[in-house]
C-alpha atoms as a PDB file:
ATOM      1  CA  MET A   1       3.068 -12.535  -5.516  1.00  0.00           C
ATOM      2  CA  ILE A   2       2.549 -13.162  -9.134  1.00  0.00           C
ATOM      3  CA  GLN A   3       3.742 -16.377 -10.675  1.00  0.00           C
ATOM      4  CA  ARG A   4       6.789 -15.605 -12.704  1.00  0.00           C
ATOM      5  CA  GLU A   5       7.447 -18.910 -14.631  1.00  0.00           C
ATOM      6  CA  ASN A   6       5.921 -18.075 -17.819  1.00  0.00           C
ATOM      7  CA  LEU A   7       6.570 -14.233 -17.387  1.00  0.00           C
ATOM      8  CA  LYS A   8       7.281 -13.531 -21.184  1.00  0.00           C
ATOM      9  CA  THR A   9       4.169 -15.412 -22.312  1.00  0.00           C
ATOM     10  CA  ASP A  10       1.846 -14.239 -19.683  1.00  0.00           C
ATOM     11  CA  PHE A  11       2.959 -10.424 -19.790  1.00  0.00           C
ATOM     12  CA  TYR A  12       4.571  -9.606 -22.795  1.00  0.00           C
ATOM     13  CA  SER A  13       3.414 -11.525 -25.533  1.00  0.00           C
ATOM     14  CA  SER A  14       0.265  -9.334 -25.862  1.00  0.00           C
ATOM     15  CA  CYS A  15       1.495  -6.477 -23.872  1.00  0.00           C
ATOM     16  CA  LYS A  16      -1.034  -4.320 -21.765  1.00  0.00           C
ATOM     17  CA  LEU A  17       1.298  -3.659 -18.969  1.00  0.00           C
ATOM     18  CA  CYS A  18       0.648  -0.065 -19.050  1.00  0.00           C
ATOM     19  CA  PRO A  19      -2.413   2.299 -19.558  1.00  0.00           C
ATOM     20  CA  ARG A  20      -1.660   2.426 -23.278  1.00  0.00           C
ATOM     21  CA  ASN A  21      -2.797  -1.111 -23.725  1.00  0.00           C
ATOM     22  CA  CYS A  22      -0.678  -1.700 -26.942  1.00  0.00           C
ATOM     23  CA  GLY A  23      -1.360  -5.192 -27.121  1.00  0.00           C
ATOM     24  CA  VAL A  24       1.861  -5.945 -28.945  1.00  0.00           C
ATOM     25  CA  GLY A  25       4.130  -9.041 -28.818  1.00  0.00           C
ATOM     26  CA  ARG A  26       7.134  -7.804 -27.009  1.00  0.00           C
ATOM     27  CA  THR A  27       8.818 -11.441 -27.307  1.00  0.00           C
ATOM     28  CA  ALA A  28       8.934 -11.620 -31.097  1.00  0.00           C
ATOM     29  CA  TRP A  29      12.028  -9.506 -31.269  1.00  0.00           C
ATOM     30  CA  ASP A  30      14.974  -8.061 -29.212  1.00  0.00           C
ATOM     31  CA  SER A  31      17.210  -5.104 -28.795  1.00  0.00           C
ATOM     32  CA  SER A  32      19.138  -6.189 -31.881  1.00  0.00           C
ATOM     33  CA  THR A  33      16.221  -6.020 -34.247  1.00  0.00           C
ATOM     34  CA  PRO A  34      16.194  -3.093 -36.800  1.00  0.00           C
ATOM     35  CA  VAL A  35      13.914  -0.432 -35.799  1.00  0.00           C
ATOM     36  CA  SER A  36      12.196  -0.704 -39.077  1.00  0.00           C
ATOM     37  CA  GLU A  37      11.339  -4.336 -38.449  1.00  0.00           C
ATOM     38  CA  ARG A  38      10.209  -4.082 -34.914  1.00  0.00           C
ATOM     39  CA  LYS A  39       6.715  -4.524 -34.117  1.00  0.00           C
ATOM     40  CA  ALA A  40       7.049  -2.232 -30.918  1.00  0.00           C
ATOM     41  CA  GLY A  41       4.675  -0.451 -28.441  1.00  0.00           C
ATOM     42  CA  PHE A  42       4.693   3.075 -27.442  1.00  0.00           C
ATOM     43  CA  CYS A  43       7.976   2.228 -25.086  1.00  0.00           C
ATOM     44  CA  MET A  44       9.746   0.574 -27.916  1.00  0.00           C
ATOM     45  CA  GLU A  45      11.236  -1.909 -25.690  1.00  0.00           C
ATOM     46  CA  PRO A  46      11.430  -5.832 -26.281  1.00  0.00           C
ATOM     47  CA  SER A  47      10.879  -8.044 -23.540  1.00  0.00           C
ATOM     48  CA  GLU A  48      14.417  -7.936 -22.487  1.00  0.00           C
ATOM     49  CA  ILE A  49      14.988  -5.913 -19.312  1.00  0.00           C
ATOM     50  CA  ARG A  50      17.570  -3.035 -20.128  1.00  0.00           C
ATOM     51  CA  LEU A  51      19.344  -0.645 -17.860  1.00  0.00           C
ATOM     52  CA  ALA A  52      21.316   2.498 -18.477  1.00  0.00           C
ATOM     53  CA  VAL A  53      22.788   3.614 -15.308  1.00  0.00           C
ATOM     54  CA  ALA A  54      22.935   2.553 -11.456  1.00  0.00           C
ATOM     55  CA  CYS A  55      24.498   4.967  -9.048  1.00  0.00           C
ATOM     56  CA  LEU A  56      24.384   6.536  -5.591  1.00  0.00           C
ATOM     57  CA  HIS A  57      22.266   9.608  -5.954  1.00  0.00           C
ATOM     58  CA  PHE A  58      22.399  12.570  -3.603  1.00  0.00           C
ATOM     59  CA  GLY A  59      19.948  15.054  -5.675  1.00  0.00           C
ATOM     60  CA  GLU A  60      16.735  13.066  -4.466  1.00  0.00           C
ATOM     61  CA  GLU A  61      14.896  14.613  -1.631  1.00  0.00           C
ATOM     62  CA  PRO A  62      16.419  14.462   1.541  1.00  0.00           C
ATOM     63  CA  LEU A  63      14.341  11.723   3.083  1.00  0.00           C
ATOM     64  CA  LEU A  64      15.691   9.474   0.525  1.00  0.00           C
ATOM     65  CA  THR A  65      19.332  10.379   0.263  1.00  0.00           C
ATOM     66  CA  VAL A  66      19.624  10.858   4.005  1.00  0.00           C
ATOM     67  CA  ASN A  67      23.458   9.696   4.712  1.00  0.00           C
ATOM     68  CA  GLY A  68      24.208   7.168   2.105  1.00  0.00           C
ATOM     69  CA  GLY A  69      22.305   8.408  -1.108  1.00  0.00           C
ATOM     70  CA  SER A  70      19.483   6.822  -3.032  1.00  0.00           C
ATOM     71  CA  GLY A  71      20.673   3.725  -4.850  1.00  0.00           C
ATOM     72  CA  THR A  72      19.095   4.679  -8.358  1.00  0.00           C
ATOM     73  CA  ILE A  73      18.753   2.299 -11.070  1.00  0.00           C
ATOM     74  CA  PHE A  74      17.911   3.930 -14.512  1.00  0.00           C
ATOM     75  CA  LEU A  75      15.919   1.599 -16.794  1.00  0.00           C
ATOM     76  CA  THR A  76      16.085   2.020 -20.685  1.00  0.00           C
ATOM     77  CA  GLY A  77      12.767   3.059 -22.194  1.00  0.00           C
ATOM     78  CA  CYS A  78       9.380   4.833 -20.964  1.00  0.00           C
ATOM     79  CA  ASN A  79       5.657   4.550 -21.526  1.00  0.00           C
ATOM     80  CA  LEU A  80       5.199   8.369 -21.236  1.00  0.00           C
ATOM     81  CA  ARG A  81       8.145   9.821 -22.992  1.00  0.00           C
ATOM     82  CA  CYS A  82       7.718  13.293 -22.383  1.00  0.00           C
ATOM     83  CA  ALA A  83       8.760  16.089 -24.913  1.00  0.00           C
ATOM     84  CA  PHE A  84      10.951  17.783 -22.377  1.00  0.00           C
ATOM     85  CA  CYS A  85      12.534  14.907 -20.727  1.00  0.00           C
ATOM     86  CA  GLN A  86      16.082  15.565 -19.632  1.00  0.00           C
ATOM     87  CA  ASN A  87      16.809  11.727 -19.568  1.00  0.00           C
ATOM     88  CA  TYR A  88      15.640  11.312 -23.220  1.00  0.00           C
ATOM     89  CA  GLN A  89      19.053   9.477 -24.365  1.00  0.00           C
ATOM     90  CA  ILE A  90      17.701   6.518 -22.090  1.00  0.00           C
ATOM     91  CA  SER A  91      13.839   7.181 -22.117  1.00  0.00           C
ATOM     92  CA  GLN A  92      13.544   7.466 -25.753  1.00  0.00           C
ATOM     93  CA  LYS A  93      16.745   6.893 -27.893  1.00  0.00           C
ATOM     94  CA  GLY A  94      17.232   3.225 -26.398  1.00  0.00           C
ATOM     95  CA  MET A  95      20.687   3.880 -24.671  1.00  0.00           C
ATOM     96  CA  GLY A  96      21.066   0.981 -22.107  1.00  0.00           C
ATOM     97  CA  LYS A  97      21.848  -2.776 -21.890  1.00  0.00           C
ATOM     98  CA  ASN A  98      20.245  -5.995 -21.523  1.00  0.00           C
ATOM     99  CA  VAL A  99      20.505  -7.474 -17.860  1.00  0.00           C
ATOM    100  CA  SER A 100      18.954 -10.800 -16.674  1.00  0.00           C
ATOM    101  CA  ALA A 101      16.993 -10.740 -13.245  1.00  0.00           C
ATOM    102  CA  ASP A 102      20.107 -12.373 -11.664  1.00  0.00           C
ATOM    103  CA  GLU A 103      22.292  -9.266 -12.978  1.00  0.00           C
ATOM    104  CA  PHE A 104      19.550  -7.037 -11.845  1.00  0.00           C
ATOM    105  CA  ALA A 105      19.653  -8.529  -8.508  1.00  0.00           C
ATOM    106  CA  GLU A 106      23.496  -8.489  -8.563  1.00  0.00           C
ATOM    107  CA  ILE A 107      23.206  -4.507  -8.991  1.00  0.00           C
ATOM    108  CA  CYS A 108      20.640  -3.907  -6.205  1.00  0.00           C
ATOM    109  CA  LEU A 109      23.108  -6.130  -3.905  1.00  0.00           C
ATOM    110  CA  LYS A 110      26.219  -4.105  -4.877  1.00  0.00           C
ATOM    111  CA  LEU A 111      24.297  -0.658  -4.184  1.00  0.00           C
ATOM    112  CA  GLN A 112      23.327  -2.162  -0.705  1.00  0.00           C
ATOM    113  CA  SER A 113      26.943  -3.102   0.017  1.00  0.00           C
ATOM    114  CA  ILE A 114      28.360   0.305  -0.659  1.00  0.00           C
ATOM    115  CA  GLY A 115      25.730   2.343   1.749  1.00  0.00           C
ATOM    116  CA  ALA A 116      22.616   2.998  -0.322  1.00  0.00           C
ATOM    117  CA  GLU A 117      19.817   4.035   1.749  1.00  0.00           C
ATOM    118  CA  ASN A 118      17.289   2.530  -0.568  1.00  0.00           C
ATOM    119  CA  ILE A 119      16.548   0.872  -4.020  1.00  0.00           C
ATOM    120  CA  ASN A 120      15.455   3.692  -6.212  1.00  0.00           C
ATOM    121  CA  ILE A 121      13.995   2.069  -9.625  1.00  0.00           C
ATOM    122  CA  VAL A 122      13.539   4.852 -12.072  1.00  0.00           C
ATOM    123  CA  THR A 123      10.974   4.748 -14.779  1.00  0.00           C
ATOM    124  CA  GLY A 124      10.358   1.018 -14.743  1.00  0.00           C
ATOM    125  CA  SER A 125       6.470   0.963 -15.345  1.00  0.00           C
ATOM    126  CA  HIS A 126       7.088  -0.827 -18.914  1.00  0.00           C
ATOM    127  CA  HIS A 127       9.089  -3.922 -17.205  1.00  0.00           C
ATOM    128  CA  VAL A 128       6.979  -4.203 -14.021  1.00  0.00           C
ATOM    129  CA  PRO A 129       7.003  -8.388 -14.030  1.00  0.00           C
ATOM    130  CA  ALA A 130      10.755  -8.647 -15.183  1.00  0.00           C
ATOM    131  CA  ILE A 131      11.807  -5.961 -12.213  1.00  0.00           C
ATOM    132  CA  ALA A 132       9.774  -7.871  -9.810  1.00  0.00           C
ATOM    133  CA  LYS A 133      11.105 -10.987 -10.641  1.00  0.00           C
ATOM    134  CA  GLY A 134      14.815  -9.245  -9.942  1.00  0.00           C
ATOM    135  CA  LEU A 135      13.572  -7.788  -6.693  1.00  0.00           C
ATOM    136  CA  GLU A 136      12.360 -11.253  -5.414  1.00  0.00           C
ATOM    137  CA  LYS A 137      15.873 -12.771  -6.374  1.00  0.00           C
ATOM    138  CA  ALA A 138      17.641  -9.827  -4.692  1.00  0.00           C
ATOM    139  CA  LYS A 139      15.545 -10.176  -1.571  1.00  0.00           C
ATOM    140  CA  LEU A 140      16.165 -13.756  -1.308  1.00  0.00           C
ATOM    141  CA  GLN A 141      19.897 -13.199  -1.706  1.00  0.00           C
ATOM    142  CA  GLY A 142      19.908 -10.619   1.500  1.00  0.00           C
ATOM    143  CA  LEU A 143      18.404  -7.577   0.108  1.00  0.00           C
ATOM    144  CA  SER A 144      17.023  -5.654   2.956  1.00  0.00           C
ATOM    145  CA  LEU A 145      16.805  -2.016   1.747  1.00  0.00           C
ATOM    146  CA  PRO A 146      13.324  -0.372   1.104  1.00  0.00           C
ATOM    147  CA  VAL A 147      12.662  -0.349  -2.520  1.00  0.00           C
ATOM    148  CA  CYS A 148      11.468   2.932  -4.273  1.00  0.00           C
ATOM    149  CA  TRP A 149       9.293   2.894  -7.299  1.00  0.00           C
ATOM    150  CA  ASN A 150      10.423   6.194  -9.077  1.00  0.00           C
ATOM    151  CA  SER A 151       7.540   6.818 -11.777  1.00  0.00           C
ATOM    152  CA  SER A 152       6.156   9.309 -14.107  1.00  0.00           C
ATOM    153  CA  GLY A 153       2.652   8.423 -12.443  1.00  0.00           C
ATOM    154  CA  TYR A 154       1.272   6.920 -15.883  1.00  0.00           C
ATOM    155  CA  ASP A 155       0.782   3.452 -14.186  1.00  0.00           C
ATOM    156  CA  SER A 156      -2.022   0.890 -13.874  1.00  0.00           C
ATOM    157  CA  VAL A 157      -3.296  -0.242 -10.757  1.00  0.00           C
ATOM    158  CA  GLU A 158      -2.934  -3.702 -12.067  1.00  0.00           C
ATOM    159  CA  SER A 159       0.716  -3.202 -12.763  1.00  0.00           C
ATOM    160  CA  LEU A 160       1.247  -1.554  -9.216  1.00  0.00           C
ATOM    161  CA  GLU A 161      -0.332  -4.915  -7.758  1.00  0.00           C
ATOM    162  CA  MET A 162       2.708  -6.904  -8.854  1.00  0.00           C
ATOM    163  CA  LEU A 163       4.818  -4.793  -6.693  1.00  0.00           C
ATOM    164  CA  ASP A 164       2.858  -5.307  -3.710  1.00  0.00           C
ATOM    165  CA  GLY A 165       5.053  -6.728  -0.867  1.00  0.00           C
ATOM    166  CA  LEU A 166       8.465  -5.622  -3.052  1.00  0.00           C
ATOM    167  CA  VAL A 167       7.982  -1.884  -2.745  1.00  0.00           C
ATOM    168  CA  SER A 168       7.493   0.010   0.155  1.00  0.00           C
ATOM    169  CA  ILE A 169       8.118   3.668  -0.924  1.00  0.00           C
ATOM    170  CA  TYR A 170       6.592   5.447  -4.201  1.00  0.00           C
ATOM    171  CA  LEU A 171       7.886   8.431  -5.783  1.00  0.00           C
ATOM    172  CA  PRO A 172       5.289   9.187  -8.480  1.00  0.00           C
ATOM    173  CA  ASP A 173       5.154  12.430 -10.633  1.00  0.00           C
ATOM    174  CA  LEU A 174       1.903  14.270 -10.864  1.00  0.00           C
ATOM    175  CA  LYS A 175       2.679  16.130 -14.047  1.00  0.00           C
ATOM    176  CA  THR A 176      -0.311  17.959 -14.868  1.00  0.00           C
ATOM    177  CA  LEU A 177      -4.396  17.768 -14.333  1.00  0.00           C
ATOM    178  CA  SER A 178      -4.684  19.068 -17.973  1.00  0.00           C
ATOM    179  CA  SER A 179      -5.650  16.532 -20.654  1.00  0.00           C
ATOM    180  CA  GLU A 180      -4.532  19.156 -23.398  1.00  0.00           C
ATOM    181  CA  LEU A 181      -1.579  19.608 -21.879  1.00  0.00           C
ATOM    182  CA  SER A 182      -0.488  15.901 -21.250  1.00  0.00           C
ATOM    183  CA  LYS A 183      -1.870  14.989 -24.629  1.00  0.00           C
ATOM    184  CA  SER A 184       0.666  17.349 -26.388  1.00  0.00           C
ATOM    185  CA  LEU A 185       3.681  16.866 -23.905  1.00  0.00           C
ATOM    186  CA  CYS A 186       3.197  13.187 -23.359  1.00  0.00           C
ATOM    187  CA  SER A 187       0.560  11.928 -26.243  1.00  0.00           C
ATOM    188  CA  ALA A 188      -1.725  10.930 -23.281  1.00  0.00           C
ATOM    189  CA  ALA A 189      -4.597  12.700 -22.892  1.00  0.00           C
ATOM    190  CA  ASP A 190      -5.695  10.364 -20.162  1.00  0.00           C
ATOM    191  CA  TYR A 191      -2.394  10.936 -18.008  1.00  0.00           C
ATOM    192  CA  PRO A 192      -4.419  12.874 -15.309  1.00  0.00           C
ATOM    193  CA  SER A 193      -7.134  10.345 -14.473  1.00  0.00           C
ATOM    194  CA  VAL A 194      -4.748   7.645 -14.623  1.00  0.00           C
ATOM    195  CA  ALA A 195      -2.046   9.504 -12.455  1.00  0.00           C
ATOM    196  CA  LYS A 196      -4.762  10.519  -9.842  1.00  0.00           C
ATOM    197  CA  LYS A 197      -5.866   6.806  -9.641  1.00  0.00           C
ATOM    198  CA  ALA A 198      -2.354   5.400  -9.413  1.00  0.00           C
ATOM    199  CA  ILE A 199      -1.312   7.871  -6.676  1.00  0.00           C
ATOM    200  CA  GLU A 200      -4.375   7.039  -4.521  1.00  0.00           C
ATOM    201  CA  TYR A 201      -3.468   3.551  -5.038  1.00  0.00           C
ATOM    202  CA  MET A 202      -0.118   3.940  -3.706  1.00  0.00           C
ATOM    203  CA  ILE A 203      -0.982   5.836  -0.616  1.00  0.00           C
ATOM    204  CA  SER A 204      -3.664   2.865   0.255  1.00  0.00           C
ATOM    205  CA  LYS A 205      -0.944   0.242   0.239  1.00  0.00           C
ATOM    206  CA  ASN A 206       1.977   2.061   1.615  1.00  0.00           C
ATOM    207  CA  PRO A 207       1.331   4.425   5.028  1.00  0.00           C
ATOM    208  CA  LEU A 208       3.894   6.931   5.715  1.00  0.00           C
ATOM    209  CA  LYS A 209       6.531   6.048   7.883  1.00  0.00           C
ATOM    210  CA  ILE A 210       9.383   8.088   8.717  1.00  0.00           C
ATOM    211  CA  VAL A 211      12.299   7.235  11.544  1.00  0.00           C
ATOM    212  CA  GLU A 212      14.974   9.661  12.779  1.00  0.00           C
ATOM    213  CA  VAL A 213      18.658   8.192  12.171  1.00  0.00           C
ATOM    214  CA  ALA A 214      21.872   9.639  13.129  1.00  0.00           C
ATOM    215  CA  ASP A 215      23.595  12.305  10.717  1.00  0.00           C
ATOM    216  CA  SER A 216      26.942  10.807   9.569  1.00  0.00           C
ATOM    217  CA  SER A 217      28.264  14.348   9.279  1.00  0.00           C
ATOM    218  CA  ASN A 218      27.059  15.594  12.649  1.00  0.00           C
ATOM    219  CA  PRO A 219      26.714  12.832  15.118  1.00  0.00           C
ATOM    220  CA  SER A 220      25.236  14.988  17.774  1.00  0.00           C
ATOM    221  CA  SER A 221      22.118  15.816  15.464  1.00  0.00           C
ATOM    222  CA  LYS A 222      19.453  13.594  13.390  1.00  0.00           C
ATOM    223  CA  LYS A 223      17.979  13.190   9.972  1.00  0.00           C
ATOM    224  CA  GLU A 224      14.786  11.871   8.614  1.00  0.00           C
ATOM    225  CA  LYS A 225      14.139   8.816   6.645  1.00  0.00           C
ATOM    226  CA  ILE A 226      11.563   7.252   4.885  1.00  0.00           C
ATOM    227  CA  GLU A 227      10.803   3.653   5.142  1.00  0.00           C
ATOM    228  CA  SER A 228       7.443   3.558   3.905  1.00  0.00           C
ATOM    229  CA  GLY A 229       4.951   5.632   1.928  1.00  0.00           C
ATOM    230  CA  VAL A 230       4.463   8.026  -0.859  1.00  0.00           C
ATOM    231  CA  ILE A 231       6.360  11.050  -2.077  1.00  0.00           C
ATOM    232  CA  VAL A 232       4.381  12.740  -4.930  1.00  0.00           C
ATOM    233  CA  ARG A 233       6.284  15.051  -7.477  1.00  0.00           C
ATOM    234  CA  HIS A 234       5.207  17.889  -9.226  1.00  0.00           C
ATOM    235  CA  LEU A 235       7.488  20.010 -11.814  1.00  0.00           C
ATOM    236  CA  PHE A 236       6.478  23.565 -12.410  1.00  0.00           C
ATOM    237  CA  LEU A 237       6.356  24.174 -16.039  1.00  0.00           C
ATOM    238  CA  PRO A 238       7.389  27.638 -17.347  1.00  0.00           C
ATOM    239  CA  GLY A 239       4.440  29.760 -18.002  1.00  0.00           C
ATOM    240  CA  LYS A 240       1.877  27.408 -16.609  1.00  0.00           C
ATOM    241  CA  PHE A 241       1.170  28.619 -12.947  1.00  0.00           C
ATOM    242  CA  PHE A 242      -2.262  28.061 -12.854  1.00  0.00           C
ATOM    243  CA  GLU A 243      -1.923  24.380 -14.092  1.00  0.00           C
ATOM    244  CA  THR A 244       0.431  24.174 -11.013  1.00  0.00           C
ATOM    245  CA  ALA A 245      -2.068  25.569  -8.838  1.00  0.00           C
ATOM    246  CA  ASP A 246      -4.688  23.354 -10.108  1.00  0.00           C
ATOM    247  CA  VAL A 247      -2.342  20.365  -8.983  1.00  0.00           C
ATOM    248  CA  LEU A 248      -1.439  21.901  -5.624  1.00  0.00           C
ATOM    249  CA  GLU A 249      -5.149  22.173  -5.021  1.00  0.00           C
ATOM    250  CA  TRP A 250      -5.976  18.521  -5.774  1.00  0.00           C
ATOM    251  CA  LEU A 251      -3.140  17.611  -3.805  1.00  0.00           C
ATOM    252  CA  HIS A 252      -4.034  19.701  -0.813  1.00  0.00           C
ATOM    253  CA  GLN A 253      -7.700  17.950  -1.005  1.00  0.00           C
ATOM    254  CA  ASN A 254      -6.542  14.421  -1.489  1.00  0.00           C
ATOM    255  CA  VAL A 255      -2.983  13.823  -0.619  1.00  0.00           C
ATOM    256  CA  ASP A 256      -2.079  16.342   2.308  1.00  0.00           C
ATOM    257  CA  GLY A 257      -1.322  14.762   5.604  1.00  0.00           C
ATOM    258  CA  LYS A 258      -1.182  11.080   3.812  1.00  0.00           C
ATOM    259  CA  ALA A 259       1.880  11.683   1.803  1.00  0.00           C
ATOM    260  CA  ILE A 260       4.817  13.877   1.113  1.00  0.00           C
ATOM    261  CA  ILE A 261       4.542  16.980  -1.528  1.00  0.00           C
ATOM    262  CA  SER A 262       7.626  17.720  -3.505  1.00  0.00           C
ATOM    263  CA  LEU A 263       7.449  20.804  -5.849  1.00  0.00           C
ATOM    264  CA  MET A 264      10.141  21.416  -8.268  1.00  0.00           C
ATOM    265  CA  SER A 265      11.076  24.244  -9.977  1.00  0.00           C
ATOM    266  CA  GLN A 266      14.156  22.784 -12.046  1.00  0.00           C
ATOM    267  CA  TYR A 267      12.531  22.726 -15.477  1.00  0.00           C
ATOM    268  CA  THR A 268      15.599  23.101 -17.903  1.00  0.00           C
ATOM    269  CA  PRO A 269      15.478  23.397 -21.977  1.00  0.00           C
ATOM    270  CA  VAL A 270      17.435  20.417 -23.073  1.00  0.00           C
ATOM    271  CA  PRO A 271      19.707  20.779 -26.220  1.00  0.00           C
ATOM    272  CA  PHE A 272      18.191  17.674 -27.772  1.00  0.00           C
ATOM    273  CA  LYS A 273      20.684  15.923 -30.288  1.00  0.00           C
ATOM    274  CA  GLU A 274      18.348  14.644 -32.960  1.00  0.00           C
ATOM    275  CA  SER A 275      17.222  14.717 -36.596  1.00  0.00           C
ATOM    276  CA  ASP A 276      15.522  17.816 -38.138  1.00  0.00           C
ATOM    277  CA  GLU A 277      12.355  15.925 -38.461  1.00  0.00           C
ATOM    278  CA  GLU A 278      12.468  14.943 -34.508  1.00  0.00           C
ATOM    279  CA  ASN A 279      13.189  18.130 -33.554  1.00  0.00           C
ATOM    280  CA  ALA A 280      10.380  19.400 -35.569  1.00  0.00           C
ATOM    281  CA  ARG A 281       8.011  17.165 -33.864  1.00  0.00           C
ATOM    282  CA  ARG A 282       9.409  17.944 -30.411  1.00  0.00           C
ATOM    283  CA  LYS A 283       9.355  21.743 -30.936  1.00  0.00           C
ATOM    284  CA  LYS A 284       5.636  21.482 -31.763  1.00  0.00           C
ATOM    285  CA  ALA A 285       4.924  19.369 -28.439  1.00  0.00           C
ATOM    286  CA  LEU A 286       6.760  21.949 -26.538  1.00  0.00           C
ATOM    287  CA  SER A 287       4.862  24.972 -28.092  1.00  0.00           C
ATOM    288  CA  VAL A 288       2.205  24.549 -25.493  1.00  0.00           C
ATOM    289  CA  ILE A 289       4.760  25.450 -22.666  1.00  0.00           C
ATOM    290  CA  GLU A 290       7.408  28.423 -22.491  1.00  0.00           C
ATOM    291  CA  ASN A 291      10.530  26.274 -22.982  1.00  0.00           C
ATOM    292  CA  ARG A 292      12.753  28.398 -20.804  1.00  0.00           C
ATOM    293  CA  LEU A 293      14.223  28.574 -17.209  1.00  0.00           C
ATOM    294  CA  VAL A 294      11.577  29.526 -14.326  1.00  0.00           C
ATOM    295  CA  ASN A 295      12.330  33.123 -13.448  1.00  0.00           C
ATOM    296  CA  GLU A 296      12.479  34.974 -10.024  1.00  0.00           C
ATOM    297  CA  SER A 297       8.846  36.031 -10.391  1.00  0.00           C
ATOM    298  CA  GLU A 298       7.427  32.727 -10.797  1.00  0.00           C
ATOM    299  CA  ASP A 299       9.562  31.318  -7.961  1.00  0.00           C
ATOM    300  CA  ASN A 300       8.211  34.009  -5.583  1.00  0.00           C
ATOM    301  CA  ASP A 301       4.519  33.092  -6.934  1.00  0.00           C
ATOM    302  CA  LEU A 302       4.987  29.409  -6.105  1.00  0.00           C
ATOM    303  CA  ARG A 303       6.488  30.338  -2.682  1.00  0.00           C
ATOM    304  CA  ASP A 304       3.223  32.604  -1.842  1.00  0.00           C
ATOM    305  CA  LEU A 305       0.856  29.747  -3.176  1.00  0.00           C
ATOM    306  CA  ILE A 306       2.570  26.674  -1.016  1.00  0.00           C
ATOM    307  CA  GLU A 307       2.429  29.376   1.960  1.00  0.00           C
ATOM    308  CA  ALA A 308      -1.326  29.799   1.530  1.00  0.00           C
ATOM    309  CA  TYR A 309      -1.850  26.268   1.330  1.00  0.00           C
ATOM    310  CA  ASP A 310       0.379  25.274   4.483  1.00  0.00           C
ATOM    311  CA  PHE A 311       0.870  21.741   3.749  1.00  0.00           C
ATOM    312  CA  ASP A 312       1.628  19.033   6.147  1.00  0.00           C
ATOM    313  CA  TYR A 313       4.900  18.080   4.806  1.00  0.00           C
ATOM    314  CA  LEU A 314       6.118  19.655   1.475  1.00  0.00           C
ATOM    315  CA  PHE A 315       9.662  19.835   0.016  1.00  0.00           C
ATOM    316  CA  TYR A 316      10.511  23.086  -2.245  1.00  0.00           C
ATOM    317  CA  GLN A 317      13.158  23.090  -4.507  1.00  0.00           C
ATOM    318  CA  ASP A 318      15.309  26.338  -4.442  1.00  0.00           C
ATOM    319  CA  LEU A 319      15.450  28.065  -7.802  1.00  0.00           C
ATOM    320  CA  CYS A 320      18.492  27.061  -9.652  1.00  0.00           C
ATOM    321  CA  GLN A 321      19.272  28.818 -13.052  1.00  0.00           C
ATOM    322  CA  ASP A 322      22.404  26.599 -13.728  1.00  0.00           C
ATOM    323  CA  THR A 323      21.943  24.178 -16.681  1.00  0.00           C
ATOM    324  CA  GLU A 324      25.273  22.263 -15.983  1.00  0.00           C
ATOM    325  CA  TRP A 325      23.662  19.536 -14.015  1.00  0.00           C
ATOM    326  CA  LEU A 326      21.551  17.958 -17.166  1.00  0.00           C
ATOM    327  CA  PRO A 327      22.768  14.418 -17.361  1.00  0.00           C
ATOM    328  CA  ASP A 328      24.894  12.849 -20.239  1.00  0.00           C
ATOM    329  CA  PHE A 329      24.354   9.053 -20.074  1.00  0.00           C
ATOM    330  CA  GLU A 330      26.819   8.225 -22.689  1.00  0.00           C
ATOM    331  CA  LYS A 331      29.522   9.126 -20.033  1.00  0.00           C
ATOM    332  CA  ILE A 332      30.151   6.755 -17.057  1.00  0.00           C
ATOM    333  CA  GLN A 333      29.250   9.495 -14.649  1.00  0.00           C
ATOM    334  CA  PRO A 334      26.258  10.863 -16.158  1.00  0.00           C
ATOM    335  CA  PHE A 335      25.850  13.692 -13.355  1.00  0.00           C
ATOM    336  CA  SER A 336      28.137  15.852 -11.569  1.00  0.00           C
ATOM    337  CA  TYR A 337      30.396  13.910  -8.715  1.00  0.00           C
ATOM    338  CA  LYS A 338      28.464  16.382  -6.129  1.00  0.00           C
ATOM    339  CA  LEU A 339      25.134  14.662  -7.515  1.00  0.00           C
ATOM    340  CA  ALA A 340      25.955  11.114  -7.524  1.00  0.00           C
ATOM    341  CA  LYS A 341      28.607   8.269  -7.552  1.00  0.00           C
ATOM    342  CA  PRO A 342      28.535   5.780 -10.394  1.00  0.00           C
ATOM    343  CA  VAL A 343      28.312   2.314  -9.621  1.00  0.00           C
ATOM    344  CA  TRP A 344      27.282   0.449 -13.003  1.00  0.00           C
ATOM    345  CA  HIS A 345      26.900   1.773 -16.579  1.00  0.00           C
ATOM    346  CA  TRP A 346      25.090   0.308 -19.600  1.00  0.00           C
ATOM    347  CA  SER A 347      28.670   0.686 -21.555  1.00  0.00           C
ATOM    348  CA  LYS A 348      31.224  -0.859 -18.702  1.00  0.00           C
ATOM    349  CA  GLY A 349      29.275  -2.872 -16.316  1.00  0.00           C
ATOM    350  CA  PHE A 350      30.328  -2.079 -12.679  1.00  0.00           C
ATOM    351  CA  VAL A 351      32.501   0.689 -12.195  1.00  0.00           C
ATOM    352  CA  GLU A 352      35.466   0.896  -9.770  1.00  0.00           C
ATOM    353  CA  ASN A 353      35.716   3.820  -7.496  1.00  0.00           C
END
């Protein structure tokens, strides 16, 4: 475990928590400081940890949702900020509320008390030390659920080491192995090398452990539940079949049999609400892909590809051309009630159900 007493001085005074190594002082300002006066790094976040939403989420991989749903905690800010991000309101626009380590622990324990299968921390790479401190407090107060680190894959190994002993499930993306694509979409030409190294580290630290549990909807049957290990996600980008083929080839060579693969076809154009200048920048970034829904022909090609590879354990998302599932984090319930049950919201605190 790392020493937490001098948390802000040690990790936020000259921030190098993520591969961007911005080196900015995140303790010199807070979320109330006007944007024009902030000396901010790429994530645009201060040393205060901020959360947007906590909920029981039923839209994650079945190994995570099982019966009770995954206890997802969405953080404000992001160190990657992809041009197509469906969560842009919280990852890029700062929507969220400051919470202390004690409050973070309280949210974790609340999720446990209402039946969450795990604590699923979404996009926390820019706040690893503060999250680690909150998890330590939660565990001292009785948190016994496995903790899942749900990230873009743009994690430094040095930061991941701070989570040793606290996190047992990793859910990283492997967005692309094209430096040109990641430079345009994520302003990170080094993304492929960083993500591969991070995923290899995650696998080395957390061997795959899957157990069978009773199916609450049918006691005579069983469901699988992940207690430890890695699930690597890849989102197919419309018009970029060969880029996905490259990713699957790397996963087949380096990950198959050691971790689970989750191939997603849910790419959805987002109706961003931004200034004309911001929209122009985003449109330019998105010009390297076809910003549209995935079509049936692409879906068939992807199915043929994964059949040819015959992965040991792979999830493939059924094609869905419905856009109603896109979240709106201004709402207490950002998702549909089929997908999630709200527990805590940045504008209200704990939500009564």
